[in-house]
PDB file of N, CA and C in Angstrom:
ATOM      1  N   UNK A   1     -47.924 -71.151 -19.677  1.00  0.00           N
ATOM      2  CA  UNK A   1     -47.453 -69.933 -20.291  1.00  0.00           C
ATOM      3  C   UNK A   1     -46.120 -70.162 -20.993  1.00  0.00           C
ATOM      4  N   UNK A   2     -45.217 -70.836 -20.368  1.00  0.00           N
ATOM      5  CA  UNK A   2     -43.861 -70.966 -20.916  1.00  0.00           C
ATOM      6  C   UNK A   2     -43.814 -71.720 -22.235  1.00  0.00           C
ATOM      7  N   UNK A   3     -44.765 -72.598 -22.451  1.00  0.00           N
ATOM      8  CA  UNK A   3     -44.752 -73.381 -23.694  1.00  0.00           C
ATOM      9  C   UNK A   3     -45.436 -72.669 -24.849  1.00  0.00           C
ATOM     10  N   UNK A   4     -46.148 -71.579 -24.547  1.00  0.00           N
ATOM     11  CA  UNK A   4     -46.879 -70.870 -25.596  1.00  0.00           C
ATOM     12  C   UNK A   4     -48.218 -71.486 -25.907  1.00  0.00           C
ATOM     13  N   UNK A   5     -48.672 -72.398 -25.070  1.00  0.00           N
ATOM     14  CA  UNK A   5     -49.921 -73.105 -25.354  1.00  0.00           C
ATOM     15  C   UNK A   5     -51.042 -72.794 -24.368  1.00  0.00           C
ATOM     16  N   UNK A   6     -50.862 -71.812 -23.512  1.00  0.00           N
ATOM     17  CA  UNK A   6     -51.925 -71.479 -22.554  1.00  0.00           C
ATOM     18  C   UNK A   6     -53.145 -71.003 -23.329  1.00  0.00           C
ATOM     19  N   UNK A   7     -54.311 -71.445 -22.918  1.00  0.00           N
ATOM     20  CA  UNK A   7     -55.532 -71.165 -23.672  1.00  0.00           C
ATOM     21  C   UNK A   7     -56.083 -69.754 -23.465  1.00  0.00           C
ATOM     22  N   UNK A   8     -55.745 -69.083 -22.387  1.00  0.00           N
ATOM     23  CA  UNK A   8     -56.359 -67.778 -22.110  1.00  0.00           C
ATOM     24  C   UNK A   8     -55.893 -66.647 -23.018  1.00  0.00           C
ATOM     25  N   UNK A   9     -54.613 -66.548 -23.334  1.00  0.00           N
ATOM     26  CA  UNK A   9     -54.246 -65.445 -24.229  1.00  0.00           C
ATOM     27  C   UNK A   9     -54.458 -65.819 -25.700  1.00  0.00           C
ATOM     28  N   UNK A  10     -55.586 -66.452 -25.982  1.00  0.00           N
ATOM     29  CA  UNK A  10     -55.907 -66.918 -27.328  1.00  0.00           C
ATOM     30  C   UNK A  10     -55.748 -65.790 -28.348  1.00  0.00           C
ATOM     31  N   UNK A  11     -54.993 -66.058 -29.389  1.00  0.00           N
ATOM     32  CA  UNK A  11     -54.792 -65.072 -30.436  1.00  0.00           C
ATOM     33  C   UNK A  11     -53.703 -64.063 -30.147  1.00  0.00           C
ATOM     34  N   UNK A  12     -53.040 -64.180 -29.005  1.00  0.00           N
ATOM     35  CA  UNK A  12     -51.970 -63.245 -28.651  1.00  0.00           C
ATOM     36  C   UNK A  12     -50.634 -63.963 -28.824  1.00  0.00           C
ATOM     37  N   UNK A  13     -49.801 -63.443 -29.684  1.00  0.00           N
ATOM     38  CA  UNK A  13     -48.485 -64.029 -29.927  1.00  0.00           C
ATOM     39  C   UNK A  13     -47.514 -63.497 -28.877  1.00  0.00           C
ATOM     40  N   UNK A  14     -47.462 -64.175 -27.740  1.00  0.00           N
ATOM     41  CA  UNK A  14     -46.676 -63.675 -26.619  1.00  0.00           C
ATOM     42  C   UNK A  14     -45.327 -64.362 -26.448  1.00  0.00           C
ATOM     43  N   UNK A  15     -45.065 -65.418 -27.169  1.00  0.00           N
ATOM     44  CA  UNK A  15     -43.818 -66.166 -26.990  1.00  0.00           C
ATOM     45  C   UNK A  15     -42.592 -65.281 -27.227  1.00  0.00           C
ATOM     46  N   UNK A  16     -42.676 -64.333 -28.130  1.00  0.00           N
ATOM     47  CA  UNK A  16     -41.558 -63.438 -28.398  1.00  0.00           C
ATOM     48  C   UNK A  16     -41.150 -62.604 -27.198  1.00  0.00           C
ATOM     49  N   UNK A  17     -42.068 -62.423 -26.245  1.00  0.00           N
ATOM     50  CA  UNK A  17     -41.741 -61.661 -25.042  1.00  0.00           C
ATOM     51  C   UNK A  17     -40.615 -62.310 -24.245  1.00  0.00           C
ATOM     52  N   UNK A  18     -40.498 -63.636 -24.338  1.00  0.00           N
ATOM     53  CA  UNK A  18     -39.457 -64.330 -23.577  1.00  0.00           C
ATOM     54  C   UNK A  18     -38.070 -63.848 -23.967  1.00  0.00           C
ATOM     55  N   UNK A  19     -37.868 -63.512 -25.239  1.00  0.00           N
ATOM     56  CA  UNK A  19     -36.565 -63.031 -25.679  1.00  0.00           C
ATOM     57  C   UNK A  19     -36.430 -61.528 -25.645  1.00  0.00           C
ATOM     58  N   UNK A  20     -37.549 -60.821 -25.873  1.00  0.00           N
ATOM     59  CA  UNK A  20     -37.456 -59.368 -25.999  1.00  0.00           C
ATOM     60  C   UNK A  20     -37.840 -58.599 -24.733  1.00  0.00           C
ATOM     61  N   UNK A  21     -38.754 -59.142 -23.947  1.00  0.00           N
ATOM     62  CA  UNK A  21     -39.209 -58.460 -22.730  1.00  0.00           C
ATOM     63  C   UNK A  21     -39.392 -59.468 -21.592  1.00  0.00           C
ATOM     64  N   UNK A  22     -38.325 -60.087 -21.136  1.00  0.00           N
ATOM     65  CA  UNK A  22     -38.484 -61.095 -20.083  1.00  0.00           C
ATOM     66  C   UNK A  22     -39.117 -60.541 -18.815  1.00  0.00           C
ATOM     67  N   UNK A  23     -38.982 -59.243 -18.570  1.00  0.00           N
ATOM     68  CA  UNK A  23     -39.607 -58.678 -17.375  1.00  0.00           C
ATOM     69  C   UNK A  23     -41.132 -58.728 -17.465  1.00  0.00           C
ATOM     70  N   UNK A  24     -41.687 -58.721 -18.670  1.00  0.00           N
ATOM     71  CA  UNK A  24     -43.135 -58.849 -18.843  1.00  0.00           C
ATOM     72  C   UNK A  24     -43.598 -60.240 -18.419  1.00  0.00           C
ATOM     73  N   UNK A  25     -42.781 -61.235 -18.726  1.00  0.00           N
ATOM     74  CA  UNK A  25     -43.097 -62.608 -18.312  1.00  0.00           C
ATOM     75  C   UNK A  25     -42.962 -62.731 -16.799  1.00  0.00           C
ATOM     76  N   UNK A  26     -41.900 -62.155 -16.252  1.00  0.00           N
ATOM     77  CA  UNK A  26     -41.706 -62.175 -14.798  1.00  0.00           C
ATOM     78  C   UNK A  26     -42.896 -61.536 -14.093  1.00  0.00           C
ATOM     79  N   UNK A  27     -43.376 -60.419 -14.625  1.00  0.00           N
ATOM     80  CA  UNK A  27     -44.520 -59.732 -14.029  1.00  0.00           C
ATOM     81  C   UNK A  27     -45.760 -60.606 -14.072  1.00  0.00           C
ATOM     82  N   UNK A  28     -45.991 -61.305 -15.171  1.00  0.00           N
ATOM     83  CA  UNK A  28     -47.190 -62.151 -15.258  1.00  0.00           C
ATOM     84  C   UNK A  28     -47.155 -63.271 -14.221  1.00  0.00           C
ATOM     85  N   UNK A  29     -45.967 -63.848 -14.006  1.00  0.00           N
ATOM     86  CA  UNK A  29     -45.835 -64.883 -12.976  1.00  0.00           C
ATOM     87  C   UNK A  29     -46.049 -64.292 -11.578  1.00  0.00           C
ATOM     88  N   UNK A  30     -45.540 -63.089 -11.346  1.00  0.00           N
ATOM     89  CA  UNK A  30     -45.732 -62.432 -10.046  1.00  0.00           C
ATOM     90  C   UNK A  30     -47.213 -62.163  -9.805  1.00  0.00           C
ATOM     91  N   UNK A  31     -47.906 -61.661 -10.811  1.00  0.00           N
ATOM     92  CA  UNK A  31     -49.334 -61.394 -10.678  1.00  0.00           C
ATOM     93  C   UNK A  31     -50.073 -62.680 -10.353  1.00  0.00           C
ATOM     94  N   UNK A  32     -49.771 -63.737 -11.082  1.00  0.00           N
ATOM     95  CA  UNK A  32     -50.421 -65.029 -10.830  1.00  0.00           C
ATOM     96  C   UNK A  32     -50.227 -65.460  -9.378  1.00  0.00           C
ATOM     97  N   UNK A  33     -48.978 -65.427  -8.917  1.00  0.00           N
ATOM     98  CA  UNK A  33     -48.681 -65.876  -7.548  1.00  0.00           C
ATOM     99  C   UNK A  33     -49.308 -64.966  -6.502  1.00  0.00           C
ATOM    100  N   UNK A  34     -49.295 -63.663  -6.749  1.00  0.00           N
ATOM    101  CA  UNK A  34     -49.841 -62.719  -5.766  1.00  0.00           C
ATOM    102  C   UNK A  34     -51.362 -62.794  -5.668  1.00  0.00           C
ATOM    103  N   UNK A  35     -52.023 -63.118  -6.749  1.00  0.00           N
ATOM    104  CA  UNK A  35     -53.492 -63.128  -6.774  1.00  0.00           C
ATOM    105  C   UNK A  35     -54.067 -64.440  -6.235  1.00  0.00           C
ATOM    106  N   UNK A  36     -53.296 -65.509  -6.285  1.00  0.00           N
ATOM    107  CA  UNK A  36     -53.804 -66.795  -5.796  1.00  0.00           C
ATOM    108  C   UNK A  36     -54.287 -66.690  -4.351  1.00  0.00           C
ATOM    109  N   UNK A  37     -55.396 -67.338  -4.086  1.00  0.00           N
ATOM    110  CA  UNK A  37     -55.934 -67.423  -2.721  1.00  0.00           C
ATOM    111  C   UNK A  37     -56.102 -68.894  -2.362  1.00  0.00           C
ATOM    112  N   UNK A  38     -55.991 -69.167  -1.078  1.00  0.00           N
ATOM    113  CA  UNK A  38     -56.047 -70.540  -0.588  1.00  0.00           C
ATOM    114  C   UNK A  38     -57.062 -70.650   0.545  1.00  0.00           C
ATOM    115  N   UNK A  39     -57.653 -71.832   0.666  1.00  0.00           N
ATOM    116  CA  UNK A  39     -58.540 -72.077   1.805  1.00  0.00           C
ATOM    117  C   UNK A  39     -57.705 -72.592   2.979  1.00  0.00           C
ATOM    118  N   UNK A  40     -58.377 -72.928   4.055  1.00  0.00           N
ATOM    119  CA  UNK A  40     -57.694 -73.366   5.280  1.00  0.00           C
ATOM    120  C   UNK A  40     -56.862 -74.625   5.082  1.00  0.00           C
ATOM    121  N   UNK A  41     -57.208 -75.430   4.084  1.00  0.00           N
ATOM    122  CA  UNK A  41     -56.496 -76.681   3.842  1.00  0.00           C
ATOM    123  C   UNK A  41     -55.400 -76.541   2.796  1.00  0.00           C
ATOM    124  N   UNK A  42     -55.188 -75.323   2.301  1.00  0.00           N
ATOM    125  CA  UNK A  42     -54.143 -75.088   1.327  1.00  0.00           C
ATOM    126  C   UNK A  42     -54.557 -75.286  -0.120  1.00  0.00           C
ATOM    127  N   UNK A  43     -55.860 -75.447  -0.366  1.00  0.00           N
ATOM    128  CA  UNK A  43     -56.355 -75.604  -1.731  1.00  0.00           C
ATOM    129  C   UNK A  43     -56.573 -74.237  -2.373  1.00  0.00           C
ATOM    130  N   UNK A  44     -56.169 -74.107  -3.619  1.00  0.00           N
ATOM    131  CA  UNK A  44     -56.370 -72.854  -4.352  1.00  0.00           C
ATOM    132  C   UNK A  44     -57.862 -72.678  -4.606  1.00  0.00           C
ATOM    133  N   UNK A  45     -58.355 -71.466  -4.323  1.00  0.00           N
ATOM    134  CA  UNK A  45     -59.796 -71.210  -4.461  1.00  0.00           C
ATOM    135  C   UNK A  45     -60.136 -70.301  -5.642  1.00  0.00           C
ATOM    136  N   UNK A  46     -59.133 -69.758  -6.314  1.00  0.00           N
ATOM    137  CA  UNK A  46     -59.423 -68.805  -7.392  1.00  0.00           C
ATOM    138  C   UNK A  46     -58.471 -68.956  -8.579  1.00  0.00           C
ATOM    139  N   UNK A  47     -58.208 -70.176  -8.985  1.00  0.00           N
ATOM    140  CA  UNK A  47     -57.235 -70.443 -10.037  1.00  0.00           C
ATOM    141  C   UNK A  47     -57.556 -69.691 -11.330  1.00  0.00           C
ATOM    142  N   UNK A  48     -58.775 -69.759 -11.806  1.00  0.00           N
ATOM    143  CA  UNK A  48     -59.138 -69.113 -13.074  1.00  0.00           C
ATOM    144  C   UNK A  48     -58.958 -67.595 -12.995  1.00  0.00           C
ATOM    145  N   UNK A  49     -59.310 -67.013 -11.869  1.00  0.00           N
ATOM    146  CA  UNK A  49     -59.151 -65.568 -11.702  1.00  0.00           C
ATOM    147  C   UNK A  49     -57.671 -65.185 -11.740  1.00  0.00           C
ATOM    148  N   UNK A  50     -56.823 -65.942 -11.060  1.00  0.00           N
ATOM    149  CA  UNK A  50     -55.386 -65.665 -11.057  1.00  0.00           C
ATOM    150  C   UNK A  50     -54.813 -65.824 -12.461  1.00  0.00           C
ATOM    151  N   UNK A  51     -55.243 -66.851 -13.172  1.00  0.00           N
ATOM    152  CA  UNK A  51     -54.802 -67.038 -14.556  1.00  0.00           C
ATOM    153  C   UNK A  51     -55.231 -65.861 -15.428  1.00  0.00           C
ATOM    154  N   UNK A  52     -56.457 -65.411 -15.259  1.00  0.00           N
ATOM    155  CA  UNK A  52     -56.985 -64.295 -16.061  1.00  0.00           C
ATOM    156  C   UNK A  52     -56.189 -63.024 -15.801  1.00  0.00           C
ATOM    157  N   UNK A  53     -55.909 -62.725 -14.553  1.00  0.00           N
ATOM    158  CA  UNK A  53     -55.146 -61.510 -14.242  1.00  0.00           C
ATOM    159  C   UNK A  53     -53.743 -61.596 -14.853  1.00  0.00           C
ATOM    160  N   UNK A  54     -53.102 -62.747 -14.748  1.00  0.00           N
ATOM    161  CA  UNK A  54     -51.761 -62.915 -15.304  1.00  0.00           C
ATOM    162  C   UNK A  54     -51.764 -62.798 -16.826  1.00  0.00           C
ATOM    163  N   UNK A  55     -52.713 -63.438 -17.476  1.00  0.00           N
ATOM    164  CA  UNK A  55     -52.748 -63.374 -18.933  1.00  0.00           C
ATOM    165  C   UNK A  55     -53.208 -62.004 -19.422  1.00  0.00           C
ATOM    166  N   UNK A  56     -53.991 -61.290 -18.626  1.00  0.00           N
ATOM    167  CA  UNK A  56     -54.341 -59.908 -18.993  1.00  0.00           C
ATOM    168  C   UNK A  56     -53.086 -59.039 -19.057  1.00  0.00           C
ATOM    169  N   UNK A  57     -52.133 -59.278 -18.163  1.00  0.00           N
ATOM    170  CA  UNK A  57     -50.901 -58.485 -18.195  1.00  0.00           C
ATOM    171  C   UNK A  57     -50.118 -58.770 -19.471  1.00  0.00           C
ATOM    172  N   UNK A  58     -50.096 -60.021 -19.905  1.00  0.00           N
ATOM    173  CA  UNK A  58     -49.419 -60.392 -21.150  1.00  0.00           C
ATOM    174  C   UNK A  58     -50.131 -59.757 -22.342  1.00  0.00           C
ATOM    175  N   UNK A  59     -51.455 -59.851 -22.355  1.00  0.00           N
ATOM    176  CA  UNK A  59     -52.223 -59.266 -23.448  1.00  0.00           C
ATOM    177  C   UNK A  59     -51.971 -57.756 -23.539  1.00  0.00           C
ATOM    178  N   UNK A  60     -51.905 -57.092 -22.396  1.00  0.00           N
ATOM    179  CA  UNK A  60     -51.669 -55.646 -22.377  1.00  0.00           C
ATOM    180  C   UNK A  60     -50.289 -55.307 -22.943  1.00  0.00           C
ATOM    181  N   UNK A  61     -49.301 -56.169 -22.713  1.00  0.00           N
ATOM    182  CA  UNK A  61     -47.961 -55.943 -23.272  1.00  0.00           C
ATOM    183  C   UNK A  61     -47.957 -56.098 -24.787  1.00  0.00           C
ATOM    184  N   UNK A  62     -48.739 -57.026 -25.274  1.00  0.00           N
ATOM    185  CA  UNK A  62     -48.745 -57.345 -26.706  1.00  0.00           C
ATOM    186  C   UNK A  62     -49.726 -56.502 -27.513  1.00  0.00           C
ATOM    187  N   UNK A  63     -50.744 -55.964 -26.856  1.00  0.00           N
ATOM    188  CA  UNK A  63     -51.795 -55.217 -27.554  1.00  0.00           C
ATOM    189  C   UNK A  63     -52.019 -53.889 -26.847  1.00  0.00           C
ATOM    190  N   UNK A  64     -51.446 -52.810 -27.354  1.00  0.00           N
ATOM    191  CA  UNK A  64     -51.574 -51.507 -26.692  1.00  0.00           C
ATOM    192  C   UNK A  64     -53.014 -51.012 -26.581  1.00  0.00           C
ATOM    193  N   UNK A  65     -53.923 -51.565 -27.364  1.00  0.00           N
ATOM    194  CA  UNK A  65     -55.321 -51.152 -27.304  1.00  0.00           C
ATOM    195  C   UNK A  65     -56.084 -51.855 -26.179  1.00  0.00           C
ATOM    196  N   UNK A  66     -55.474 -52.882 -25.587  1.00  0.00           N
ATOM    197  CA  UNK A  66     -56.138 -53.642 -24.531  1.00  0.00           C
ATOM    198  C   UNK A  66     -55.966 -52.946 -23.187  1.00  0.00           C
ATOM    199  N   UNK A  67     -57.055 -52.820 -22.452  1.00  0.00           N
ATOM    200  CA  UNK A  67     -57.012 -52.243 -21.101  1.00  0.00           C
ATOM    201  C   UNK A  67     -57.348 -53.318 -20.081  1.00  0.00           C
ATOM    202  N   UNK A  68     -56.542 -53.407 -19.056  1.00  0.00           N
ATOM    203  CA  UNK A  68     -56.799 -54.344 -17.969  1.00  0.00           C
ATOM    204  C   UNK A  68     -57.871 -53.742 -17.072  1.00  0.00           C
ATOM    205  N   UNK A  69     -58.964 -54.489 -16.899  1.00  0.00           N
ATOM    206  CA  UNK A  69     -60.081 -54.023 -16.079  1.00  0.00           C
ATOM    207  C   UNK A  69     -60.413 -55.098 -15.058  1.00  0.00           C
ATOM    208  N   UNK A  70     -60.424 -54.750 -13.785  1.00  0.00           N
ATOM    209  CA  UNK A  70     -59.974 -53.491 -13.201  1.00  0.00           C
ATOM    210  C   UNK A  70     -58.454 -53.395 -13.274  1.00  0.00           C
ATOM    211  N   UNK A  71     -57.934 -52.177 -13.202  1.00  0.00           N
ATOM    212  CA  UNK A  71     -56.473 -52.016 -13.243  1.00  0.00           C
ATOM    213  C   UNK A  71     -55.808 -52.789 -12.106  1.00  0.00           C
ATOM    214  N   UNK A  72     -54.575 -53.157 -12.316  1.00  0.00           N
ATOM    215  CA  UNK A  72     -53.839 -53.877 -11.278  1.00  0.00           C
ATOM    216  C   UNK A  72     -53.620 -52.979 -10.067  1.00  0.00           C
ATOM    217  N   UNK A  73     -53.721 -53.586  -8.908  1.00  0.00           N
ATOM    218  CA  UNK A  73     -53.398 -52.897  -7.667  1.00  0.00           C
ATOM    219  C   UNK A  73     -51.921 -53.141  -7.362  1.00  0.00           C
ATOM    220  N   UNK A  74     -51.333 -52.275  -6.577  1.00  0.00           N
ATOM    221  CA  UNK A  74     -49.903 -52.378  -6.278  1.00  0.00           C
ATOM    222  C   UNK A  74     -49.517 -53.754  -5.740  1.00  0.00           C
ATOM    223  N   UNK A  75     -50.308 -54.318  -4.854  1.00  0.00           N
ATOM    224  CA  UNK A  75     -49.977 -55.609  -4.258  1.00  0.00           C
ATOM    225  C   UNK A  75     -50.013 -56.735  -5.293  1.00  0.00           C
ATOM    226  N   UNK A  76     -50.770 -56.561  -6.367  1.00  0.00           N
ATOM    227  CA  UNK A  76     -50.862 -57.592  -7.384  1.00  0.00           C
ATOM    228  C   UNK A  76     -49.613 -57.645  -8.254  1.00  0.00           C
ATOM    229  N   UNK A  77     -48.941 -56.519  -8.445  1.00  0.00           N
ATOM    230  CA  UNK A  77     -47.777 -56.476  -9.341  1.00  0.00           C
ATOM    231  C   UNK A  77     -46.459 -56.414  -8.585  1.00  0.00           C
ATOM    232  N   UNK A  78     -46.499 -56.628  -7.285  1.00  0.00           N
ATOM    233  CA  UNK A  78     -45.287 -56.594  -6.478  1.00  0.00           C
ATOM    234  C   UNK A  78     -44.408 -57.806  -6.764  1.00  0.00           C
ATOM    235  N   UNK A  79     -43.134 -57.549  -7.008  1.00  0.00           N
ATOM    236  CA  UNK A  79     -42.169 -58.631  -7.203  1.00  0.00           C
ATOM    237  C   UNK A  79     -41.539 -58.983  -5.859  1.00  0.00           C
ATOM    238  N   UNK A  80     -41.398 -60.251  -5.593  1.00  0.00           N
ATOM    239  CA  UNK A  80     -40.814 -60.707  -4.324  1.00  0.00           C
ATOM    240  C   UNK A  80     -39.487 -61.376  -4.566  1.00  0.00           C
TER     241      UNK A  80
END
């Protein structure tokens, strides 16, 4: 995400958020971390899903016509 080369928000010019809305970037990282799940051995079991939820938040910031489905739950957007 930080380099502007993540493949999921394809077509979304989100790099400008780093200077204009850093809290949007912070939220996307929080969503990613909160959504990640691990197995008993500490391996991530849902990487693509966590990436999708995080990039959906970025897309929603950049495109007012985009709706996140399903909507974020409180625990997903909690900042720690």
